[in-house]
Amino acid sequence: MEFFSFNFSLLFTWGNMFAIIFGAIFGLFIGVLPGLGPTVGIALLLPLTYNMDPLASILMLVSLYQSAEYGGSISSIVLGIPGNAAAVATTLDGNAMAKQGFPGKALGYSLTSSTIGGLFGTLILMVLAIPLTKLTIKFADPEFFLIGVLGLVCIISLSSKDAMKSAVSVLLGLLLGMIGMDVFTGSQRFTMGSMDLMEGLSMIAMLTGMFAISEVLSMLTDDLNKRYVTDNQNLKTNLTWKEYKSVNKSVWKGSIIGTLAGIIPGLGAGPASWLAYTDAKRSSKNPEKFGKGEPNGIAAPEAANNAVVGGALIPLLTLGIPGSAATAVILSAFMIHGIQPGPQVFKNDPNLIYGIFWGFLVATIAMYYLGKWTTALWARTLTIPNYILIPIILFAALIGAFAARGSLFDVWVTIIVGVVSFFILKLDYSFPAFILAFVLGPMLEKSLRRSLMLSDGSYSIFVSRGYSIVLVGLIALLVGNMLFQFLKKRSVKKEDISI
């Protein structure tokens, strides 16, 4: 395979290794703090990528992503408070085992399973990415437009309990993505005469506001003196071979479930961890032990949520379609360096792609050893009160928003977007749907307009090739399923009212 011919001297530089280790450490820190999670962490570090080498910047962010998924299990196990949505399933058995006096053992199951899940996701990324790219290299603008639409339809149907609110989030993301100059005609759109909006809304300002500022506001509405107290005892993450063998099956099944969930845009680590947990319980000989400190109840979801990372990178690198909210922010890092992920990157800059493959493998190994050595330290960070965390997060967010383009206007955008996002989040609208639409909007518009130029305005170009017909069929299938589910719920409500 081509990636074995990679020149490893391009990867093993001081800059790249520092980026991986720094990303892993920051990811563990962000992951362990309840409510933050990988997407917030990536958004906070995104401004740093402006002055970094493209490979180092991407490796820093994927390393953070991988480590934050494990970091979320630390607070879940030690305190029973999930660090992020993906760690909720882990709380059931992880905290139960900790209460029995074995928090280190529970963390050992989590760390080992997360590492194997991460390695499995990396392997699938390496194996599938190149063959998929050879297929997608045959795609033209009509196919890329339909793939983008398919991604948006997937995230509407899968990322939220309310498909209508997800659809509104997508439309709002597409609308805001249109602000700025028309790339074909040069005319201004929705700029209101402001020079600051000529280049459109800053992606970093938008993402930082949505995730960091809205989280700060959520913390402000909570108890400012709130801190999570732990005695930090028995936190060594040692695991014997016999103990690992008892969860081996759940680890591998969770890894497969997580990778598949990562490939499908909109599914993500949260649903993947629950699917893996449910499968482990269903196939167990002793399902009654789940929720009472069963090791398989820790191993399955943890393997799944780390396998999601590698799976989510597959559509990002091969098609330019993010598989999760976190990879949507990572896509922004590519764009900062003028790189559009997709088949052309594999052809024009293979060293970047192969460097990401192998660097991601190194990042997973780094997560294992750093997690093993520093878990007790991260548990102590849970004692930091909110009144100390809030100014740190706020300062980092605003400095990052300003540093990206040296614009005070972007700082105001960050603050305004953060305030609006805080209320939108309370109303249960979908952030992942908005982000995906905002990031993909310009690509969708270019592909659509180029396709219509080629066909002299005829929409038949979208059903004139085999690939296009398959994509249209998949979109129709998903839309039909959403309509069916909507009508089904509506009929159930009518029956309830009549009764």
Protein backbone atom coordinates (compact mmCIF):
# COMPACT_ATOMS: atom_id res chain seq x y z
CA MET A 1 0.00 0.00 0.00
CA GLU A 2 1.10 3.52 -0.83
CA PHE A 3 1.30 4.80 2.73
CA PHE A 4 4.12 2.36 3.54
CA SER A 5 6.35 4.31 1.13
CA PHE A 6 5.91 7.46 3.25
CA ASN A 7 9.08 9.31 4.22
CA PHE A 8 8.84 9.10 8.03
CA SER A 9 11.42 11.84 8.49
CA LEU A 10 8.64 14.27 7.48
CA LEU A 11 6.58 13.08 10.45
CA PHE A 12 9.17 12.62 13.19
CA THR A 13 10.20 16.26 13.54
CA TRP A 14 10.32 18.17 16.81
CA GLY A 15 7.45 20.37 15.66
CA ASN A 16 5.14 17.49 14.79
CA MET A 17 5.95 15.52 17.94
CA PHE A 18 5.38 18.58 20.12
CA ALA A 19 2.05 19.21 18.35
CA ILE A 20 0.90 15.62 19.01
CA ILE A 21 1.93 15.64 22.67
CA PHE A 22 0.52 19.12 23.32
CA GLY A 23 -2.75 18.16 21.60
CA ALA A 24 -2.99 14.97 23.69
CA ILE A 25 -2.35 16.79 26.98
CA PHE A 26 -4.82 19.58 26.18
CA GLY A 27 -7.35 16.97 25.03
CA LEU A 28 -7.12 15.10 28.32
CA PHE A 29 -7.56 18.38 30.21
CA ILE A 30 -10.58 19.47 28.14
CA GLY A 31 -12.10 15.99 28.17
CA VAL A 32 -12.02 15.62 31.94
CA LEU A 33 -13.87 18.90 32.61
CA PRO A 34 -17.62 18.21 32.50
CA GLY A 35 -19.45 20.00 29.69
CA LEU A 36 -16.51 20.97 27.50
CA GLY A 37 -15.48 18.06 25.25
CA PRO A 38 -13.38 17.75 22.08
CA THR A 39 -15.25 20.26 19.89
CA VAL A 40 -14.72 23.10 22.38
CA GLY A 41 -11.05 22.14 22.74
CA ILE A 42 -10.48 22.09 18.98
CA ALA A 43 -12.24 25.45 18.60
CA LEU A 44 -9.98 26.97 21.29
CA LEU A 45 -6.78 25.73 19.63
CA LEU A 46 -7.87 26.50 16.05
CA PRO A 47 -6.37 30.05 16.03
CA LEU A 48 -2.93 28.58 16.80
CA THR A 49 -2.96 26.71 13.47
CA TYR A 50 -2.57 29.93 11.45
CA ASN A 51 1.18 30.06 12.10
CA MET A 52 1.78 26.30 12.10
CA ASP A 53 2.82 23.86 9.42
CA PRO A 54 -0.31 22.19 7.91
CA LEU A 55 0.70 18.68 9.05
CA ALA A 56 1.57 19.80 12.59
CA SER A 57 -1.69 21.76 12.95
CA ILE A 58 -3.89 18.86 11.83
CA LEU A 59 -1.99 16.37 14.03
CA MET A 60 -2.42 18.65 17.05
CA LEU A 61 -6.18 18.79 16.53
CA VAL A 62 -6.72 15.06 15.84
CA SER A 63 -4.53 14.23 18.85
CA LEU A 64 -6.70 16.50 20.97
CA TYR A 65 -9.86 14.89 19.55
CA GLN A 66 -8.64 11.37 20.34
CA SER A 67 -7.47 12.16 23.88
CA ALA A 68 -10.56 14.20 24.80
CA GLU A 69 -12.76 11.18 24.08
CA TYR A 70 -10.85 9.19 26.70
CA GLY A 71 -10.60 12.18 29.05
CA GLY A 72 -14.38 12.32 29.29
CA SER A 73 -14.40 8.92 31.00
CA ILE A 74 -12.23 10.13 33.91
CA SER A 75 -14.90 12.34 35.47
CA SER A 76 -17.57 9.77 34.51
CA ILE A 77 -15.80 7.06 36.47
CA VAL A 78 -14.38 9.02 39.39
CA LEU A 79 -17.39 11.28 40.00
CA GLY A 80 -20.29 9.83 38.02
CA ILE A 81 -20.44 13.08 36.02
CA PRO A 82 -19.86 12.57 32.25
CA GLY A 83 -17.11 14.72 30.78
CA ASN A 84 -18.99 14.76 27.46
CA ALA A 85 -22.00 13.15 25.78
CA ALA A 86 -19.95 10.17 24.60
CA ALA A 87 -19.04 9.25 28.19
CA VAL A 88 -22.60 9.03 29.52
CA ALA A 89 -22.84 5.28 28.87
CA THR A 90 -19.52 4.73 30.64
CA THR A 91 -20.90 6.36 33.79
CA LEU A 92 -23.32 3.50 34.48
CA ASP A 93 -20.72 0.81 35.17
CA GLY A 94 -17.59 2.95 35.52
CA ASN A 95 -18.84 4.92 38.50
CA ALA A 96 -20.41 1.79 40.01
CA MET A 97 -17.01 0.07 39.92
CA ALA A 98 -15.35 3.17 41.40
CA LYS A 99 -17.84 3.17 44.29
CA GLN A 100 -16.83 -0.43 44.98
CA GLY A 101 -13.30 0.87 45.62
CA PHE A 102 -11.74 0.21 42.20
CA PRO A 103 -11.66 3.53 40.28
CA GLY A 104 -8.18 2.73 38.91
CA LYS A 105 -9.38 -0.60 37.56
CA ALA A 106 -12.34 1.09 35.86
CA LEU A 107 -9.99 3.69 34.35
CA GLY A 108 -7.72 0.85 33.22
CA TYR A 109 -10.59 -0.77 31.32
CA SER A 110 -11.48 2.62 29.85
CA LEU A 111 -7.94 3.57 28.78
CA THR A 112 -7.12 0.16 27.28
CA SER A 113 -10.43 -0.02 25.41
CA SER A 114 -10.12 3.57 24.19
CA THR A 115 -6.62 2.85 22.87
CA ILE A 116 -7.66 -0.30 21.02
CA GLY A 117 -10.73 1.48 19.63
CA GLY A 118 -8.52 4.36 18.48
CA LEU A 119 -6.00 2.00 16.86
CA PHE A 120 -8.80 0.10 15.11
CA GLY A 121 -10.27 3.35 13.78
CA THR A 122 -6.82 4.36 12.53
CA LEU A 123 -6.35 1.02 10.76
CA ILE A 124 -9.73 1.29 9.03
CA LEU A 125 -8.90 4.87 8.04
CA MET A 126 -5.66 3.69 6.42
CA VAL A 127 -7.28 0.72 4.68
CA LEU A 128 -10.42 2.44 3.36
CA ALA A 129 -9.29 5.99 2.60
CA ILE A 130 -7.16 5.26 -0.47
CA PRO A 131 -9.63 2.88 -2.22
CA LEU A 132 -12.46 5.36 -1.55
CA THR A 133 -10.34 8.15 -2.99
CA LYS A 134 -9.73 6.14 -6.17
CA LEU A 135 -13.50 5.91 -6.48
CA THR A 136 -14.23 9.54 -5.69
CA ILE A 137 -11.55 10.80 -8.09
CA LYS A 138 -14.12 9.96 -10.79
CA PHE A 139 -16.63 12.33 -9.21
CA ALA A 140 -17.39 15.72 -10.76
CA ASP A 141 -19.25 18.77 -9.45
CA PRO A 142 -22.73 17.15 -9.62
CA GLU A 143 -21.57 14.26 -7.42
CA PHE A 144 -19.83 16.55 -4.92
CA PHE A 145 -22.98 18.66 -4.62
CA LEU A 146 -25.10 15.55 -4.02
CA ILE A 147 -22.59 14.18 -1.46
CA GLY A 148 -22.83 17.47 0.43
CA VAL A 149 -26.64 17.32 0.35
CA LEU A 150 -26.48 13.69 1.52
CA GLY A 151 -24.31 14.73 4.47
CA LEU A 152 -26.78 17.46 5.45
CA VAL A 153 -29.75 15.10 5.14
CA CYS A 154 -27.92 12.50 7.26
CA ILE A 155 -27.21 14.98 10.01
CA ILE A 156 -30.81 16.26 9.99
CA SER A 157 -32.16 12.74 10.41
CA LEU A 158 -29.61 11.49 12.94
CA SER A 159 -28.21 14.34 15.04
CA SER A 160 -31.29 15.54 16.88
CA LYS A 161 -34.51 14.31 18.41
CA ASP A 162 -36.33 17.00 16.45
CA ALA A 163 -35.64 16.76 12.70
CA MET A 164 -37.44 20.06 12.08
CA LYS A 165 -35.07 21.93 14.42
CA SER A 166 -32.10 20.26 12.75
CA ALA A 167 -33.42 21.37 9.35
CA VAL A 168 -33.76 24.95 10.61
CA SER A 169 -30.17 24.75 11.93
CA VAL A 170 -28.96 23.61 8.49
CA LEU A 171 -30.81 26.41 6.69
CA LEU A 172 -29.40 29.00 9.10
CA GLY A 173 -25.87 27.63 8.58
CA LEU A 174 -26.25 27.78 4.79
CA LEU A 175 -27.61 31.33 4.99
CA LEU A 176 -24.77 32.66 7.16
CA GLY A 177 -22.25 30.86 4.94
CA MET A 178 -23.42 32.99 2.00
CA ILE A 179 -22.39 36.28 3.63
CA GLY A 180 -19.56 38.01 1.75
CA MET A 181 -18.56 38.33 -1.89
CA ASP A 182 -20.04 36.09 -4.57
CA VAL A 183 -17.09 34.02 -5.83
CA PHE A 184 -18.51 33.96 -9.39
CA THR A 185 -19.69 37.55 -9.91
CA GLY A 186 -17.86 39.50 -7.20
CA SER A 187 -21.10 41.11 -5.98
CA GLN A 188 -21.68 41.64 -2.27
CA ARG A 189 -24.21 39.52 -0.40
CA PHE A 190 -25.70 40.42 3.01
CA THR A 191 -22.70 42.62 3.89
CA MET A 192 -24.85 45.68 4.73
CA GLY A 193 -22.03 47.83 3.35
CA SER A 194 -19.55 46.59 5.96
CA MET A 195 -15.97 46.00 4.78
CA ASP A 196 -15.52 43.54 7.67
CA LEU A 197 -18.08 41.22 6.09
CA MET A 198 -16.57 41.26 2.59
CA GLU A 199 -14.71 38.02 3.27
CA GLY A 200 -17.66 36.52 5.10
CA LEU A 201 -18.01 35.65 8.77
CA SER A 202 -14.78 34.38 10.31
CA MET A 203 -15.01 30.65 10.82
CA ILE A 204 -12.89 30.85 13.97
CA ALA A 205 -15.08 33.61 15.41
CA MET A 206 -18.22 31.59 14.68
CA LEU A 207 -16.92 28.33 16.10
CA THR A 208 -15.34 29.92 19.18
CA GLY A 209 -18.52 31.80 19.94
CA MET A 210 -20.77 28.78 19.45
CA PHE A 211 -18.78 26.44 21.65
CA ALA A 212 -16.54 28.38 24.03
CA ILE A 213 -18.61 31.51 24.77
CA SER A 214 -21.91 29.63 25.01
CA GLU A 215 -20.25 27.20 27.46
CA VAL A 216 -18.95 30.11 29.54
CA LEU A 217 -22.50 31.50 29.74
CA SER A 218 -23.79 28.08 30.79
CA MET A 219 -21.19 27.98 33.55
CA LEU A 220 -22.14 31.50 34.66
CA THR A 221 -25.75 30.41 35.13
CA ASP A 222 -24.51 27.59 37.35
CA ASP A 223 -22.91 27.83 40.80
CA LEU A 224 -19.69 29.84 40.41
CA ASN A 225 -18.18 28.09 43.43
CA LYS A 226 -19.03 24.69 41.99
CA ARG A 227 -16.18 22.23 42.01
CA TYR A 228 -16.04 18.46 41.75
CA VAL A 229 -14.32 16.94 44.78
CA THR A 230 -12.44 13.65 44.59
CA ASP A 231 -9.99 11.96 46.96
CA ASN A 232 -7.73 10.82 44.08
CA GLN A 233 -7.13 7.43 45.68
CA ASN A 234 -6.57 4.11 43.85
CA LEU A 235 -6.34 5.77 40.42
CA LYS A 236 -3.55 3.63 38.94
CA THR A 237 -4.76 2.36 35.57
CA ASN A 238 -3.19 -1.11 35.70
CA LEU A 239 -4.96 -4.00 33.95
CA THR A 240 -3.89 -7.65 33.83
CA TRP A 241 -4.04 -9.80 30.70
CA LYS A 242 -6.74 -11.95 32.30
CA GLU A 243 -8.86 -8.88 33.02
CA TYR A 244 -8.46 -7.66 29.47
CA LYS A 245 -9.43 -11.05 28.01
CA SER A 246 -12.74 -10.86 29.87
CA VAL A 247 -13.70 -7.75 27.83
CA ASN A 248 -11.87 -8.51 24.58
CA LYS A 249 -15.04 -9.36 22.62
CA SER A 250 -16.83 -6.19 23.74
CA VAL A 251 -13.80 -4.07 22.85
CA TRP A 252 -13.64 -5.30 19.27
CA LYS A 253 -17.39 -5.16 18.71
CA GLY A 254 -17.43 -1.65 20.17
CA SER A 255 -14.56 -0.66 17.87
CA ILE A 256 -16.47 -1.85 14.80
CA ILE A 257 -19.67 -0.09 15.88
CA GLY A 258 -17.78 3.13 16.62
CA THR A 259 -15.93 3.18 13.29
CA LEU A 260 -19.14 2.64 11.32
CA ALA A 261 -20.91 5.34 13.35
CA GLY A 262 -18.03 7.75 12.66
CA ILE A 263 -18.26 7.21 8.91
CA ILE A 264 -21.96 8.19 8.88
CA PRO A 265 -22.23 12.02 9.16
CA GLY A 266 -24.32 13.11 12.12
CA LEU A 267 -24.20 9.92 14.20
CA GLY A 268 -21.07 10.56 16.27
CA ALA A 269 -19.61 9.27 19.51
CA GLY A 270 -22.69 9.68 21.75
CA PRO A 271 -25.01 7.32 19.86
CA ALA A 272 -22.08 5.00 19.06
CA SER A 273 -21.27 4.52 22.75
CA TRP A 274 -24.89 3.69 23.56
CA LEU A 275 -25.14 1.27 20.61
CA ALA A 276 -21.99 -0.50 21.81
CA TYR A 277 -23.21 -0.58 25.43
CA THR A 278 -26.61 -1.97 24.40
CA ASP A 279 -24.98 -4.62 22.21
CA ALA A 280 -22.60 -5.68 25.02
CA LYS A 281 -25.49 -6.00 27.46
CA ARG A 282 -27.66 -7.88 24.95
CA SER A 283 -24.95 -10.41 24.13
CA SER A 284 -23.78 -10.87 27.75
CA LYS A 285 -24.44 -14.08 29.67
CA ASN A 286 -25.04 -11.96 32.77
CA PRO A 287 -26.94 -8.83 31.62
CA GLU A 288 -28.20 -8.28 35.17
CA LYS A 289 -24.65 -7.23 36.19
CA PHE A 290 -24.71 -4.19 33.89
CA GLY A 291 -25.08 -0.97 35.82
CA LYS A 292 -23.41 -2.56 38.84
CA GLY A 293 -19.75 -2.31 37.81
CA GLU A 294 -19.61 -4.73 34.86
CA PRO A 295 -16.26 -4.31 33.01
CA ASN A 296 -17.88 -4.93 29.61
CA GLY A 297 -20.16 -1.96 30.30
CA ILE A 298 -17.03 0.22 30.42
CA ALA A 299 -15.02 -1.39 27.63
CA ALA A 300 -17.69 -1.41 24.90
CA PRO A 301 -18.69 2.29 24.93
CA GLU A 302 -15.11 3.48 25.44
CA ALA A 303 -13.82 1.46 22.49
CA ALA A 304 -16.70 2.82 20.40
CA ASN A 305 -16.27 6.52 21.16
CA ASN A 306 -12.55 6.47 20.31
CA ALA A 307 -13.08 4.37 17.17
CA VAL A 308 -15.50 7.08 16.03
CA VAL A 309 -12.56 9.49 15.61
CA GLY A 310 -10.87 7.42 12.90
CA GLY A 311 -14.22 6.70 11.26
CA ALA A 312 -15.17 10.38 11.18
CA LEU A 313 -11.88 11.24 9.45
CA ILE A 314 -12.70 8.92 6.52
CA PRO A 315 -15.45 11.08 4.91
CA LEU A 316 -13.51 14.22 5.86
CA LEU A 317 -10.30 13.24 4.08
CA THR A 318 -11.80 11.38 1.11
CA LEU A 319 -14.85 13.56 0.36
CA GLY A 320 -14.34 16.76 2.33
CA ILE A 321 -17.50 15.95 4.33
CA PRO A 322 -17.04 16.04 8.14
CA GLY A 323 -18.35 12.99 9.97
CA SER A 324 -18.85 14.86 13.28
CA ALA A 325 -18.94 18.36 14.79
CA ALA A 326 -15.30 18.02 15.84
CA THR A 327 -14.14 17.08 12.32
CA ALA A 328 -16.14 20.04 10.97
CA VAL A 329 -13.87 22.29 13.04
CA ILE A 330 -10.81 20.32 11.86
CA LEU A 331 -11.99 20.99 8.29
CA SER A 332 -11.64 24.68 9.13
CA ALA A 333 -7.95 24.08 9.90
CA PHE A 334 -7.49 22.63 6.42
CA MET A 335 -9.21 25.65 4.90
CA ILE A 336 -7.04 28.04 6.89
CA HIS A 337 -4.07 26.59 5.00
CA GLY A 338 -5.89 26.71 1.66
CA ILE A 339 -6.42 22.94 1.52
CA GLN A 340 -9.75 21.40 0.50
CA PRO A 341 -9.86 17.77 1.70
CA GLY A 342 -10.93 15.28 -0.94
CA PRO A 343 -9.48 13.12 -3.70
CA GLN A 344 -7.31 15.91 -5.12
CA VAL A 345 -5.32 16.19 -1.87
CA PHE A 346 -4.38 12.50 -2.10
CA LYS A 347 -3.13 13.16 -5.61
CA ASN A 348 -1.43 16.54 -5.10
CA ASP A 349 -0.10 16.25 -1.53
CA PRO A 350 0.10 12.57 -0.53
CA ASN A 351 2.76 13.28 2.11
CA LEU A 352 0.24 15.39 4.06
CA ILE A 353 -2.35 12.59 4.01
CA TYR A 354 0.10 9.80 4.87
CA GLY A 355 1.59 12.00 7.57
CA ILE A 356 -1.89 12.36 9.08
CA PHE A 357 -2.38 8.58 8.93
CA TRP A 358 0.83 7.72 10.74
CA GLY A 359 0.67 10.76 13.01
CA PHE A 360 -2.81 9.73 14.10
CA LEU A 361 -1.40 6.33 15.03
CA VAL A 362 1.34 8.02 17.09
CA ALA A 363 -1.28 10.28 18.71
CA THR A 364 -3.29 7.24 19.86
CA ILE A 365 -0.20 5.67 21.41
CA ALA A 366 0.66 9.03 23.05
CA MET A 367 -2.87 9.15 24.50
CA TYR A 368 -2.33 5.73 26.10
CA TYR A 369 0.96 6.56 27.83
CA LEU A 370 -0.01 10.11 28.82
CA GLY A 371 -3.32 8.80 30.13
CA LYS A 372 -1.55 6.11 32.11
CA TRP A 373 0.94 8.55 33.64
CA THR A 374 -1.29 11.57 34.25
CA THR A 375 -4.81 10.31 35.08
CA ALA A 376 -4.44 11.15 38.79
CA LEU A 377 -3.34 14.69 37.83
CA TRP A 378 -6.40 15.22 35.60
CA ALA A 379 -8.65 13.95 38.37
CA ARG A 380 -7.26 16.76 40.56
CA THR A 381 -8.31 19.38 37.98
CA LEU A 382 -11.89 18.52 38.90
CA THR A 383 -11.34 20.49 42.11
CA ILE A 384 -10.87 23.76 40.17
CA PRO A 385 -13.96 25.97 40.80
CA ASN A 386 -15.94 27.56 37.98
CA TYR A 387 -14.93 31.11 38.94
CA ILE A 388 -11.33 30.23 37.97
CA LEU A 389 -12.17 28.21 34.84
CA ILE A 390 -14.53 30.82 33.36
CA PRO A 391 -11.98 33.67 32.91
CA ILE A 392 -9.39 31.22 31.55
CA ILE A 393 -11.76 29.89 28.87
CA LEU A 394 -13.13 33.37 28.08
CA PHE A 395 -9.64 34.89 27.74
CA ALA A 396 -8.42 32.06 25.47
CA ALA A 397 -11.55 32.30 23.30
CA LEU A 398 -11.43 36.08 22.78
CA ILE A 399 -7.67 36.18 22.20
CA GLY A 400 -8.02 33.38 19.64
CA ALA A 401 -10.85 35.17 17.85
CA PHE A 402 -8.81 38.39 17.64
CA ALA A 403 -5.52 36.72 16.66
CA ALA A 404 -7.02 34.90 13.68
CA ARG A 405 -7.36 38.06 11.54
CA GLY A 406 -6.32 40.82 13.96
CA SER A 407 -9.87 42.15 13.90
CA LEU A 408 -11.91 43.55 16.79
CA PHE A 409 -14.96 42.97 14.62
CA ASP A 410 -14.34 39.21 14.93
CA VAL A 411 -14.26 39.55 18.71
CA TRP A 412 -17.72 41.13 18.64
CA VAL A 413 -18.93 38.40 16.27
CA THR A 414 -17.63 35.81 18.75
CA ILE A 415 -19.48 37.42 21.66
CA ILE A 416 -22.75 37.91 19.76
CA VAL A 417 -22.69 34.38 18.31
CA GLY A 418 -21.93 33.00 21.76
CA VAL A 419 -24.91 34.77 23.36
CA VAL A 420 -27.27 33.69 20.56
CA SER A 421 -25.93 30.13 20.68
CA PHE A 422 -26.53 29.96 24.43
CA PHE A 423 -30.26 30.55 23.90
CA ILE A 424 -30.43 28.36 20.77
CA LEU A 425 -28.87 25.51 22.75
CA LYS A 426 -31.54 25.91 25.43
CA LEU A 427 -34.16 25.49 22.69
CA ASP A 428 -32.51 22.19 21.61
CA TYR A 429 -31.45 23.23 18.11
CA SER A 430 -28.61 21.25 16.51
CA PHE A 431 -25.10 22.73 16.67
CA PRO A 432 -23.54 19.92 14.57
CA ALA A 433 -26.14 20.51 11.83
CA PHE A 434 -25.42 24.25 11.81
CA ILE A 435 -21.64 23.79 11.71
CA LEU A 436 -21.75 21.25 8.90
CA ALA A 437 -24.00 23.52 6.83
CA PHE A 438 -21.90 26.63 7.54
CA VAL A 439 -18.65 24.87 6.59
CA LEU A 440 -20.03 23.03 3.55
CA GLY A 441 -22.19 25.89 2.26
CA PRO A 442 -19.54 27.52 0.02
CA MET A 443 -18.53 24.14 -1.45
CA LEU A 444 -22.15 23.21 -2.13
CA GLU A 445 -22.80 26.53 -3.83
CA LYS A 446 -19.73 26.27 -6.09
CA SER A 447 -20.54 22.68 -7.09
CA LEU A 448 -24.19 23.51 -7.78
CA ARG A 449 -23.47 26.57 -9.90
CA ARG A 450 -20.65 24.91 -11.85
CA SER A 451 -22.93 21.94 -12.57
CA LEU A 452 -25.70 24.21 -13.87
CA MET A 453 -23.19 26.11 -16.01
CA LEU A 454 -22.06 22.83 -17.58
CA SER A 455 -25.66 21.80 -18.29
CA ASP A 456 -26.89 25.23 -19.44
CA GLY A 457 -29.18 25.43 -16.44
CA SER A 458 -30.62 21.91 -16.75
CA TYR A 459 -31.04 19.97 -13.48
CA SER A 460 -30.95 16.70 -15.43
CA ILE A 461 -27.16 16.73 -14.93
CA PHE A 462 -27.80 15.43 -11.39
CA VAL A 463 -29.35 12.20 -12.71
CA SER A 464 -27.28 11.72 -15.86
CA ARG A 465 -24.53 9.48 -14.40
CA GLY A 466 -24.58 6.26 -12.41
CA TYR A 467 -22.90 7.76 -9.34
CA SER A 468 -25.37 10.66 -9.30
CA ILE A 469 -28.37 8.36 -9.57
CA VAL A 470 -27.16 6.29 -6.60
CA LEU A 471 -26.64 9.43 -4.50
CA VAL A 472 -30.07 10.83 -5.45
CA GLY A 473 -31.58 7.46 -4.48
CA LEU A 474 -29.89 7.54 -1.06
CA ILE A 475 -31.09 11.10 -0.45
CA ALA A 476 -34.65 10.17 -1.47
CA LEU A 477 -34.51 7.13 0.84
CA LEU A 478 -33.44 9.21 3.84
CA VAL A 479 -35.98 11.96 3.15
CA GLY A 480 -38.71 9.33 2.72
CA ASN A 481 -37.77 7.73 6.02
CA MET A 482 -37.90 11.10 7.80
CA LEU A 483 -41.36 11.80 6.36
CA PHE A 484 -42.53 8.35 7.40
CA GLN A 485 -41.29 8.86 10.96
CA PHE A 486 -42.92 12.30 11.08
CA LEU A 487 -46.30 10.99 9.89
CA LYS A 488 -46.04 8.03 12.27
CA LYS A 489 -45.48 10.33 15.27
CA ARG A 490 -48.31 12.57 14.11
CA SER A 491 -50.76 9.66 13.90
CA VAL A 492 -49.71 8.44 17.37
CA LYS A 493 -50.38 11.91 18.81
CA LYS A 494 -53.83 11.98 17.19
CA GLU A 495 -54.65 8.57 18.69
CA ASP A 496 -53.54 9.79 22.12
CA ILE A 497 -55.74 12.88 21.82
CA SER A 498 -58.78 10.84 20.71
CA ILE A 499 -58.34 8.50 23.68
